[in-house]
Structures are given as structure tokens and as C-alpha cells.
PDB file of N, CA and C in Angstrom:
ATOM      1  N   MET A   1      -8.874  85.435  51.902  1.00  0.00           N
ATOM      2  CA  MET A   1      -8.948  86.305  53.056  1.00  0.00           C
ATOM      3  C   MET A   1      -7.723  86.039  53.934  1.00  0.00           C
ATOM      4  N   GLN A   2      -7.079  87.088  54.359  1.00  0.00           N
ATOM      5  CA  GLN A   2      -5.930  87.009  55.251  1.00  0.00           C
ATOM      6  C   GLN A   2      -6.412  86.927  56.705  1.00  0.00           C
ATOM      7  N   ILE A   3      -5.519  86.510  57.598  1.00  0.00           N
ATOM      8  CA  ILE A   3      -5.887  86.399  59.010  1.00  0.00           C
ATOM      9  C   ILE A   3      -6.363  87.736  59.552  1.00  0.00           C
ATOM     10  N   ASP A   4      -5.672  88.821  59.213  1.00  0.00           N
ATOM     11  CA  ASP A   4      -6.080  90.125  59.742  1.00  0.00           C
ATOM     12  C   ASP A   4      -7.461  90.531  59.239  1.00  0.00           C
ATOM     13  N   GLN A   5      -7.800  90.161  58.028  1.00  0.00           N
ATOM     14  CA  GLN A   5      -9.133  90.468  57.495  1.00  0.00           C
ATOM     15  C   GLN A   5     -10.204  89.646  58.216  1.00  0.00           C
ATOM     16  N   PHE A   6      -9.910  88.383  58.475  1.00  0.00           N
ATOM     17  CA  PHE A   6     -10.848  87.542  59.211  1.00  0.00           C
ATOM     18  C   PHE A   6     -11.020  88.065  60.634  1.00  0.00           C
ATOM     19  N   GLN A   7      -9.922  88.470  61.254  1.00  0.00           N
ATOM     20  CA  GLN A   7     -10.005  89.010  62.607  1.00  0.00           C
ATOM     21  C   GLN A   7     -10.876  90.259  62.628  1.00  0.00           C
ATOM     22  N   GLU A   8     -10.744  91.105  61.632  1.00  0.00           N
ATOM     23  CA  GLU A   8     -11.578  92.310  61.552  1.00  0.00           C
ATOM     24  C   GLU A   8     -13.043  91.942  61.349  1.00  0.00           C
ATOM     25  N   LEU A   9     -13.327  90.972  60.507  1.00  0.00           N
ATOM     26  CA  LEU A   9     -14.704  90.526  60.291  1.00  0.00           C
ATOM     27  C   LEU A   9     -15.319  90.021  61.595  1.00  0.00           C
ATOM     28  N   ILE A  10     -14.608  89.167  62.307  1.00  0.00           N
ATOM     29  CA  ILE A  10     -15.114  88.632  63.575  1.00  0.00           C
ATOM     30  C   ILE A  10     -15.254  89.756  64.597  1.00  0.00           C
ATOM     31  N   ARG A  11     -14.322  90.691  64.586  1.00  0.00           N
ATOM     32  CA  ARG A  11     -14.409  91.836  65.500  1.00  0.00           C
ATOM     33  C   ARG A  11     -15.694  92.612  65.251  1.00  0.00           C
ATOM     34  N   GLN A  12     -15.978  92.886  63.993  1.00  0.00           N
ATOM     35  CA  GLN A  12     -17.188  93.635  63.656  1.00  0.00           C
ATOM     36  C   GLN A  12     -18.452  92.877  64.044  1.00  0.00           C
ATOM     37  N   LEU A  13     -18.444  91.569  63.846  1.00  0.00           N
ATOM     38  CA  LEU A  13     -19.632  90.766  64.124  1.00  0.00           C
ATOM     39  C   LEU A  13     -19.850  90.502  65.611  1.00  0.00           C
ATOM     40  N   TYR A  14     -18.772  90.265  66.362  1.00  0.00           N
ATOM     41  CA  TYR A  14     -18.935  89.710  67.706  1.00  0.00           C
ATOM     42  C   TYR A  14     -18.242  90.448  68.841  1.00  0.00           C
ATOM     43  N   LEU A  15     -17.398  91.447  68.560  1.00  0.00           N
ATOM     44  CA  LEU A  15     -16.608  92.048  69.637  1.00  0.00           C
ATOM     45  C   LEU A  15     -17.476  92.658  70.728  1.00  0.00           C
ATOM     46  N   GLU A  16     -18.544  93.334  70.352  1.00  0.00           N
ATOM     47  CA  GLU A  16     -19.388  93.963  71.370  1.00  0.00           C
ATOM     48  C   GLU A  16     -19.964  92.906  72.315  1.00  0.00           C
ATOM     49  N   ARG A  17     -20.531  91.864  71.752  1.00  0.00           N
ATOM     50  CA  ARG A  17     -21.124  90.792  72.568  1.00  0.00           C
ATOM     51  C   ARG A  17     -20.049  90.076  73.393  1.00  0.00           C
ATOM     52  N   ASP A  18     -18.923  89.775  72.762  1.00  0.00           N
ATOM     53  CA  ASP A  18     -17.859  89.089  73.492  1.00  0.00           C
ATOM     54  C   ASP A  18     -17.297  89.974  74.601  1.00  0.00           C
ATOM     55  N   SER A  19     -17.190  91.274  74.356  1.00  0.00           N
ATOM     56  CA  SER A  19     -16.684  92.196  75.370  1.00  0.00           C
ATOM     57  C   SER A  19     -17.623  92.263  76.568  1.00  0.00           C
ATOM     58  N   GLU A  20     -18.925  92.221  76.313  1.00  0.00           N
ATOM     59  CA  GLU A  20     -19.896  92.216  77.412  1.00  0.00           C
ATOM     60  C   GLU A  20     -19.722  90.974  78.278  1.00  0.00           C
ATOM     61  N   ARG A  21     -19.399  89.869  77.669  1.00  0.00           N
ATOM     62  CA  ARG A  21     -19.207  88.602  78.379  1.00  0.00           C
ATOM     63  C   ARG A  21     -17.860  88.595  79.096  1.00  0.00           C
ATOM     64  N   GLY A  22     -16.902  89.379  78.593  1.00  0.00           N
ATOM     65  CA  GLY A  22     -15.571  89.435  79.187  1.00  0.00           C
ATOM     66  C   GLY A  22     -14.656  88.360  78.626  1.00  0.00           C
ATOM     67  N   LEU A  23     -13.377  88.543  78.855  1.00  0.00           N
ATOM     68  CA  LEU A  23     -12.390  87.606  78.322  1.00  0.00           C
ATOM     69  C   LEU A  23     -12.548  86.215  78.938  1.00  0.00           C
ATOM     70  N   GLU A  24     -12.789  86.159  80.236  1.00  0.00           N
ATOM     71  CA  GLU A  24     -12.938  84.848  80.875  1.00  0.00           C
ATOM     72  C   GLU A  24     -14.165  84.115  80.349  1.00  0.00           C
ATOM     73  N   GLY A  25     -15.285  84.819  80.229  1.00  0.00           N
ATOM     74  CA  GLY A  25     -16.494  84.197  79.696  1.00  0.00           C
ATOM     75  C   GLY A  25     -16.330  83.774  78.250  1.00  0.00           C
ATOM     76  N   THR A  26     -15.652  84.595  77.474  1.00  0.00           N
ATOM     77  CA  THR A  26     -15.407  84.257  76.074  1.00  0.00           C
ATOM     78  C   THR A  26     -14.477  83.058  75.978  1.00  0.00           C
ATOM     79  N   TYR A  27     -13.496  83.009  76.880  1.00  0.00           N
ATOM     80  CA  TYR A  27     -12.607  81.845  76.901  1.00  0.00           C
ATOM     81  C   TYR A  27     -13.392  80.562  77.170  1.00  0.00           C
ATOM     82  N   MET A  28     -14.402  80.624  78.017  1.00  0.00           N
ATOM     83  CA  MET A  28     -15.203  79.428  78.307  1.00  0.00           C
ATOM     84  C   MET A  28     -15.902  78.930  77.035  1.00  0.00           C
ATOM     85  N   TRP A  29     -16.414  79.850  76.216  1.00  0.00           N
ATOM     86  CA  TRP A  29     -17.020  79.464  74.932  1.00  0.00           C
ATOM     87  C   TRP A  29     -15.964  78.864  74.009  1.00  0.00           C
ATOM     88  N   PHE A  30     -14.771  79.473  73.997  1.00  0.00           N
ATOM     89  CA  PHE A  30     -13.664  78.950  73.197  1.00  0.00           C
ATOM     90  C   PHE A  30     -13.338  77.518  73.620  1.00  0.00           C
ATOM     91  N   ALA A  31     -13.243  77.298  74.930  1.00  0.00           N
ATOM     92  CA  ALA A  31     -12.926  75.965  75.442  1.00  0.00           C
ATOM     93  C   ALA A  31     -13.993  74.953  75.031  1.00  0.00           C
ATOM     94  N   GLU A  32     -15.252  75.372  75.035  1.00  0.00           N
ATOM     95  CA  GLU A  32     -16.332  74.487  74.594  1.00  0.00           C
ATOM     96  C   GLU A  32     -16.145  74.109  73.124  1.00  0.00           C
ATOM     97  N   GLU A  33     -15.765  75.079  72.305  1.00  0.00           N
ATOM     98  CA  GLU A  33     -15.537  74.793  70.885  1.00  0.00           C
ATOM     99  C   GLU A  33     -14.340  73.862  70.692  1.00  0.00           C
ATOM    100  N   VAL A  34     -13.299  74.041  71.492  1.00  0.00           N
ATOM    101  CA  VAL A  34     -12.157  73.125  71.423  1.00  0.00           C
ATOM    102  C   VAL A  34     -12.615  71.718  71.797  1.00  0.00           C
ATOM    103  N   GLY A  35     -13.489  71.623  72.789  1.00  0.00           N
ATOM    104  CA  GLY A  35     -14.041  70.323  73.162  1.00  0.00           C
ATOM    105  C   GLY A  35     -14.827  69.687  72.032  1.00  0.00           C
ATOM    106  N   GLU A  36     -15.627  70.494  71.333  1.00  0.00           N
ATOM    107  CA  GLU A  36     -16.381  69.970  70.186  1.00  0.00           C
ATOM    108  C   GLU A  36     -15.440  69.476  69.093  1.00  0.00           C
ATOM    109  N   LEU A  37     -14.371  70.224  68.857  1.00  0.00           N
ATOM    110  CA  LEU A  37     -13.382  69.800  67.867  1.00  0.00           C
ATOM    111  C   LEU A  37     -12.723  68.491  68.300  1.00  0.00           C
ATOM    112  N   THR A  38     -12.373  68.407  69.562  1.00  0.00           N
ATOM    113  CA  THR A  38     -11.749  67.190  70.086  1.00  0.00           C
ATOM    114  C   THR A  38     -12.651  65.979  69.889  1.00  0.00           C
ATOM    115  N   ARG A  39     -13.920  66.139  70.224  1.00  0.00           N
ATOM    116  CA  ARG A  39     -14.866  65.029  70.062  1.00  0.00           C
ATOM    117  C   ARG A  39     -15.003  64.636  68.591  1.00  0.00           C
ATOM    118  N   ALA A  40     -15.039  65.626  67.710  1.00  0.00           N
ATOM    119  CA  ALA A  40     -15.150  65.337  66.274  1.00  0.00           C
ATOM    120  C   ALA A  40     -13.913  64.588  65.774  1.00  0.00           C
ATOM    121  N   LEU A  41     -12.741  64.992  66.230  1.00  0.00           N
ATOM    122  CA  LEU A  41     -11.507  64.310  65.830  1.00  0.00           C
ATOM    123  C   LEU A  41     -11.492  62.871  66.339  1.00  0.00           C
ATOM    124  N   ARG A  42     -11.893  62.687  67.574  1.00  0.00           N
ATOM    125  CA  ARG A  42     -11.872  61.344  68.175  1.00  0.00           C
ATOM    126  C   ARG A  42     -12.820  60.374  67.485  1.00  0.00           C
ATOM    127  N   ARG A  43     -13.951  60.867  67.048  1.00  0.00           N
ATOM    128  CA  ARG A  43     -14.913  59.951  66.429  1.00  0.00           C
ATOM    129  C   ARG A  43     -14.707  59.825  64.917  1.00  0.00           C
ATOM    130  N   GLY A  44     -13.687  60.504  64.392  1.00  0.00           N
ATOM    131  CA  GLY A  44     -13.383  60.402  62.969  1.00  0.00           C
ATOM    132  C   GLY A  44     -14.399  61.099  62.091  1.00  0.00           C
ATOM    133  N   ALA A  45     -14.853  62.274  62.521  1.00  0.00           N
ATOM    134  CA  ALA A  45     -15.837  63.040  61.753  1.00  0.00           C
ATOM    135  C   ALA A  45     -15.323  63.303  60.345  1.00  0.00           C
ATOM    136  N   ASP A  46     -16.253  63.545  59.446  1.00  0.00           N
ATOM    137  CA  ASP A  46     -15.853  63.798  58.061  1.00  0.00           C
ATOM    138  C   ASP A  46     -15.203  65.178  57.928  1.00  0.00           C
ATOM    139  N   ARG A  47     -14.596  65.379  56.785  1.00  0.00           N
ATOM    140  CA  ARG A  47     -13.822  66.601  56.528  1.00  0.00           C
ATOM    141  C   ARG A  47     -14.661  67.863  56.694  1.00  0.00           C
ATOM    142  N   ASP A  48     -15.897  67.870  56.219  1.00  0.00           N
ATOM    143  CA  ASP A  48     -16.742  69.063  56.316  1.00  0.00           C
ATOM    144  C   ASP A  48     -17.040  69.421  57.765  1.00  0.00           C
ATOM    145  N   GLU A  49     -17.354  68.407  58.569  1.00  0.00           N
ATOM    146  CA  GLU A  49     -17.627  68.684  59.982  1.00  0.00           C
ATOM    147  C   GLU A  49     -16.376  69.190  60.685  1.00  0.00           C
ATOM    148  N   LEU A  50     -15.242  68.554  60.410  1.00  0.00           N
ATOM    149  CA  LEU A  50     -13.985  69.005  61.010  1.00  0.00           C
ATOM    150  C   LEU A  50     -13.663  70.438  60.602  1.00  0.00           C
ATOM    151  N   ALA A  51     -13.862  70.753  59.331  1.00  0.00           N
ATOM    152  CA  ALA A  51     -13.593  72.113  58.856  1.00  0.00           C
ATOM    153  C   ALA A  51     -14.433  73.122  59.627  1.00  0.00           C
ATOM    154  N   GLY A  52     -15.698  72.809  59.845  1.00  0.00           N
ATOM    155  CA  GLY A  52     -16.566  73.697  60.606  1.00  0.00           C
ATOM    156  C   GLY A  52     -16.104  73.870  62.042  1.00  0.00           C
ATOM    157  N   GLU A  53     -15.678  72.780  62.656  1.00  0.00           N
ATOM    158  CA  GLU A  53     -15.209  72.860  64.048  1.00  0.00           C
ATOM    159  C   GLU A  53     -13.903  73.647  64.139  1.00  0.00           C
ATOM    160  N   PHE A  54     -12.976  73.410  63.206  1.00  0.00           N
ATOM    161  CA  PHE A  54     -11.741  74.201  63.188  1.00  0.00           C
ATOM    162  C   PHE A  54     -12.059  75.684  62.994  1.00  0.00           C
ATOM    163  N   ALA A  55     -13.005  75.998  62.114  1.00  0.00           N
ATOM    164  CA  ALA A  55     -13.383  77.392  61.870  1.00  0.00           C
ATOM    165  C   ALA A  55     -13.964  78.024  63.130  1.00  0.00           C
ATOM    166  N   ASP A  56     -14.792  77.279  63.863  1.00  0.00           N
ATOM    167  CA  ASP A  56     -15.352  77.804  65.110  1.00  0.00           C
ATOM    168  C   ASP A  56     -14.250  78.124  66.116  1.00  0.00           C
ATOM    169  N   VAL A  57     -13.310  77.202  66.277  1.00  0.00           N
ATOM    170  CA  VAL A  57     -12.201  77.422  67.212  1.00  0.00           C
ATOM    171  C   VAL A  57     -11.407  78.652  66.793  1.00  0.00           C
ATOM    172  N   PHE A  58     -11.132  78.776  65.503  1.00  0.00           N
ATOM    173  CA  PHE A  58     -10.358  79.915  65.009  1.00  0.00           C
ATOM    174  C   PHE A  58     -11.102  81.229  65.246  1.00  0.00           C
ATOM    175  N   ALA A  59     -12.413  81.239  65.025  1.00  0.00           N
ATOM    176  CA  ALA A  59     -13.200  82.458  65.227  1.00  0.00           C
ATOM    177  C   ALA A  59     -13.149  82.908  66.685  1.00  0.00           C
ATOM    178  N   TRP A  60     -13.313  81.975  67.612  1.00  0.00           N
ATOM    179  CA  TRP A  60     -13.244  82.340  69.030  1.00  0.00           C
ATOM    180  C   TRP A  60     -11.840  82.796  69.398  1.00  0.00           C
ATOM    181  N   LEU A  61     -10.810  82.167  68.831  1.00  0.00           N
ATOM    182  CA  LEU A  61      -9.433  82.562  69.107  1.00  0.00           C
ATOM    183  C   LEU A  61      -9.168  83.993  68.647  1.00  0.00           C
ATOM    184  N   VAL A  62      -9.579  84.324  67.433  1.00  0.00           N
ATOM    185  CA  VAL A  62      -9.322  85.687  66.946  1.00  0.00           C
ATOM    186  C   VAL A  62     -10.152  86.700  67.724  1.00  0.00           C
ATOM    187  N   SER A  63     -11.324  86.310  68.199  1.00  0.00           N
ATOM    188  CA  SER A  63     -12.114  87.225  69.012  1.00  0.00           C
ATOM    189  C   SER A  63     -11.394  87.540  70.323  1.00  0.00           C
ATOM    190  N   MET A  64     -10.853  86.519  70.968  1.00  0.00           N
ATOM    191  CA  MET A  64     -10.104  86.758  72.209  1.00  0.00           C
ATOM    192  C   MET A  64      -8.856  87.595  71.947  1.00  0.00           C
ATOM    193  N   ALA A  65      -8.208  87.372  70.813  1.00  0.00           N
ATOM    194  CA  ALA A  65      -7.048  88.190  70.460  1.00  0.00           C
ATOM    195  C   ALA A  65      -7.466  89.651  70.310  1.00  0.00           C
ATOM    196  N   SER A  66      -8.576  89.896  69.639  1.00  0.00           N
ATOM    197  CA  SER A  66      -9.071  91.267  69.480  1.00  0.00           C
ATOM    198  C   SER A  66      -9.376  91.896  70.829  1.00  0.00           C
ATOM    199  N   MET A  67     -10.029  91.145  71.694  1.00  0.00           N
ATOM    200  CA  MET A  67     -10.354  91.650  73.026  1.00  0.00           C
ATOM    201  C   MET A  67      -9.093  92.011  73.803  1.00  0.00           C
ATOM    202  N   SER A  68      -7.991  91.334  73.494  1.00  0.00           N
ATOM    203  CA  SER A  68      -6.718  91.555  74.182  1.00  0.00           C
ATOM    204  C   SER A  68      -5.837  92.570  73.468  1.00  0.00           C
ATOM    205  N   GLY A  69      -6.329  93.124  72.354  1.00  0.00           N
ATOM    206  CA  GLY A  69      -5.552  94.103  71.608  1.00  0.00           C
ATOM    207  C   GLY A  69      -4.411  93.486  70.809  1.00  0.00           C
ATOM    208  N   ILE A  70      -4.549  92.215  70.445  1.00  0.00           N
ATOM    209  CA  ILE A  70      -3.503  91.496  69.718  1.00  0.00           C
ATOM    210  C   ILE A  70      -3.895  91.344  68.253  1.00  0.00           C
ATOM    211  N   ASP A  71      -3.015  91.751  67.360  1.00  0.00           N
ATOM    212  CA  ASP A  71      -3.156  91.481  65.928  1.00  0.00           C
ATOM    213  C   ASP A  71      -2.598  90.078  65.725  1.00  0.00           C
ATOM    214  N   LEU A  72      -3.474  89.104  65.569  1.00  0.00           N
ATOM    215  CA  LEU A  72      -3.061  87.706  65.537  1.00  0.00           C
ATOM    216  C   LEU A  72      -2.147  87.398  64.357  1.00  0.00           C
ATOM    217  N   GLN A  73      -2.402  88.013  63.215  1.00  0.00           N
ATOM    218  CA  GLN A  73      -1.533  87.792  62.058  1.00  0.00           C
ATOM    219  C   GLN A  73      -0.120  88.265  62.363  1.00  0.00           C
ATOM    220  N   GLN A  74       0.001  89.459  62.933  1.00  0.00           N
ATOM    221  CA  GLN A  74       1.323  89.990  63.248  1.00  0.00           C
ATOM    222  C   GLN A  74       1.999  89.164  64.334  1.00  0.00           C
ATOM    223  N   ALA A  75       1.227  88.736  65.319  1.00  0.00           N
ATOM    224  CA  ALA A  75       1.791  87.908  66.390  1.00  0.00           C
ATOM    225  C   ALA A  75       2.359  86.611  65.828  1.00  0.00           C
ATOM    226  N   ALA A  76       1.632  85.985  64.902  1.00  0.00           N
ATOM    227  CA  ALA A  76       2.104  84.738  64.293  1.00  0.00           C
ATOM    228  C   ALA A  76       3.368  84.981  63.473  1.00  0.00           C
ATOM    229  N   LEU A  77       3.381  86.070  62.716  1.00  0.00           N
ATOM    230  CA  LEU A  77       4.576  86.389  61.936  1.00  0.00           C
ATOM    231  C   LEU A  77       5.764  86.655  62.849  1.00  0.00           C
ATOM    232  N   ASP A  78       5.538  87.418  63.911  1.00  0.00           N
ATOM    233  CA  ASP A  78       6.619  87.727  64.847  1.00  0.00           C
ATOM    234  C   ASP A  78       7.166  86.462  65.504  1.00  0.00           C
ATOM    235  N   LYS A  79       6.290  85.525  65.791  1.00  0.00           N
ATOM    236  CA  LYS A  79       6.704  84.302  66.491  1.00  0.00           C
ATOM    237  C   LYS A  79       7.342  83.277  65.552  1.00  0.00           C
ATOM    238  N   TYR A  80       6.810  83.155  64.343  1.00  0.00           N
ATOM    239  CA  TYR A  80       7.210  82.051  63.468  1.00  0.00           C
ATOM    240  C   TYR A  80       7.961  82.461  62.208  1.00  0.00           C
ATOM    241  N   PHE A  81       8.197  83.748  62.013  1.00  0.00           N
ATOM    242  CA  PHE A  81       8.940  84.180  60.834  1.00  0.00           C
ATOM    243  C   PHE A  81       9.732  85.425  61.204  1.00  0.00           C
ATOM    244  N   LYS A  82      10.991  85.219  61.532  1.00  0.00           N
ATOM    245  CA  LYS A  82      11.848  86.340  61.918  1.00  0.00           C
ATOM    246  C   LYS A  82      13.090  86.354  61.048  1.00  0.00           C
ATOM    247  N   ASP A  83      13.493  87.544  60.696  1.00  0.00           N
ATOM    248  CA  ASP A  83      14.724  87.725  59.928  1.00  0.00           C
ATOM    249  C   ASP A  83      14.763  86.846  58.683  1.00  0.00           C
ATOM    250  N   GLY A  84      13.601  86.677  58.043  1.00  0.00           N
ATOM    251  CA  GLY A  84      13.522  85.902  56.816  1.00  0.00           C
ATOM    252  C   GLY A  84      13.619  84.400  57.009  1.00  0.00           C
ATOM    253  N   VAL A  85      13.549  83.945  58.270  1.00  0.00           N
ATOM    254  CA  VAL A  85      13.648  82.516  58.566  1.00  0.00           C
ATOM    255  C   VAL A  85      12.334  82.054  59.176  1.00  0.00           C
ATOM    256  N   ALA A  86      11.734  81.035  58.561  1.00  0.00           N
ATOM    257  CA  ALA A  86      10.468  80.504  59.060  1.00  0.00           C
ATOM    258  C   ALA A  86      10.729  79.402  60.075  1.00  0.00           C
ATOM    259  N   GLY A  87       9.795  79.256  60.999  1.00  0.00           N
ATOM    260  CA  GLY A  87       9.868  78.200  62.004  1.00  0.00           C
ATOM    261  C   GLY A  87       9.796  78.777  63.393  1.00  0.00           C
ATOM    262  N   HIS A  88       9.529  77.930  64.360  1.00  0.00           N
ATOM    263  CA  HIS A  88       9.458  78.368  65.748  1.00  0.00           C
ATOM    264  C   HIS A  88      10.841  78.802  66.190  1.00  0.00           C
ATOM    265  N   GLU A  89      10.897  79.801  67.061  1.00  0.00           N
ATOM    266  CA  GLU A  89      12.173  80.363  67.475  1.00  0.00           C
ATOM    267  C   GLU A  89      13.128  79.308  68.029  1.00  0.00           C
ATOM    268  N   LYS A  90      12.629  78.299  68.745  1.00  0.00           N
ATOM    269  CA  LYS A  90      13.523  77.267  69.288  1.00  0.00           C
ATOM    270  C   LYS A  90      14.121  76.384  68.200  1.00  0.00           C
ATOM    271  N   ASP A  91      13.499  76.384  67.013  1.00  0.00           N
ATOM    272  CA  ASP A  91      13.988  75.565  65.906  1.00  0.00           C
ATOM    273  C   ASP A  91      14.964  76.316  65.006  1.00  0.00           C
ATOM    274  N   ARG A  92      15.124  77.618  65.238  1.00  0.00           N
ATOM    275  CA  ARG A  92      16.028  78.412  64.412  1.00  0.00           C
ATOM    276  C   ARG A  92      17.456  78.311  64.948  1.00  0.00           C
ATOM    277  N   PRO A  93      18.439  78.489  64.072  1.00  0.00           N
ATOM    278  CA  PRO A  93      19.820  78.531  64.560  1.00  0.00           C
ATOM    279  C   PRO A  93      19.955  79.630  65.611  1.00  0.00           C
ATOM    280  N   ASN A  94      20.647  79.348  66.681  1.00  0.00           N
ATOM    281  CA  ASN A  94      20.843  80.291  67.793  1.00  0.00           C
ATOM    282  C   ASN A  94      19.523  80.695  68.437  1.00  0.00           C
ATOM    283  N   GLY A  95      18.472  79.843  68.336  1.00  0.00           N
ATOM    284  CA  GLY A  95      17.147  80.174  68.867  1.00  0.00           C
ATOM    285  C   GLY A  95      16.908  79.745  70.261  1.00  0.00           C
TER     286      GLY A  95
END
């Protein structure tokens, strides 16, 4: 599954509910998930638990991107892969 496909799946499942809560309210849920991930990392959680926490953070992130009208896959490509050169813009020659 590509990022854009995952974003569409999350949009179909949660956009209505997340939109009712608003971007700020949805961000609060996202922040809670980041906190859960942080706690799991700090205590050395196993790979399966970490994978679940990373997936939760990613799902909330793509939901907020959808609410903001952002195609997250395209945004990542635009930011990290330009003119056939991969990497953050500050790391590219003349960046």
C-alpha cells in the first residue's frame, strides 16, 4: 500500500468524525498518540508494540493532512525528492 492509498483509507474511515472534532481537537488525539509512542520507546517496548504505536501516529498524521487538504505522499516527494535528487533540501547541493 502506498502512502496515498493509506491516506485515502483513513480518510474514508475517519474524516467525518475527525472533521467534527476539528483540526485542533484531532491534533490533541495525535499528540496523545505521540506520547504513547514516546513512552513505548522509553521503556524499550517490543517490536510489535512499537509498530502499532508508529501506525497509530501515522494514521492520525494522515488524517490531519486530509483535513488540511494535503496529499501527504506528494508533500513528502516535493520536500525530499526534487529534480531526481533525494534528501532534505538543505542537504542538496545549492539547497
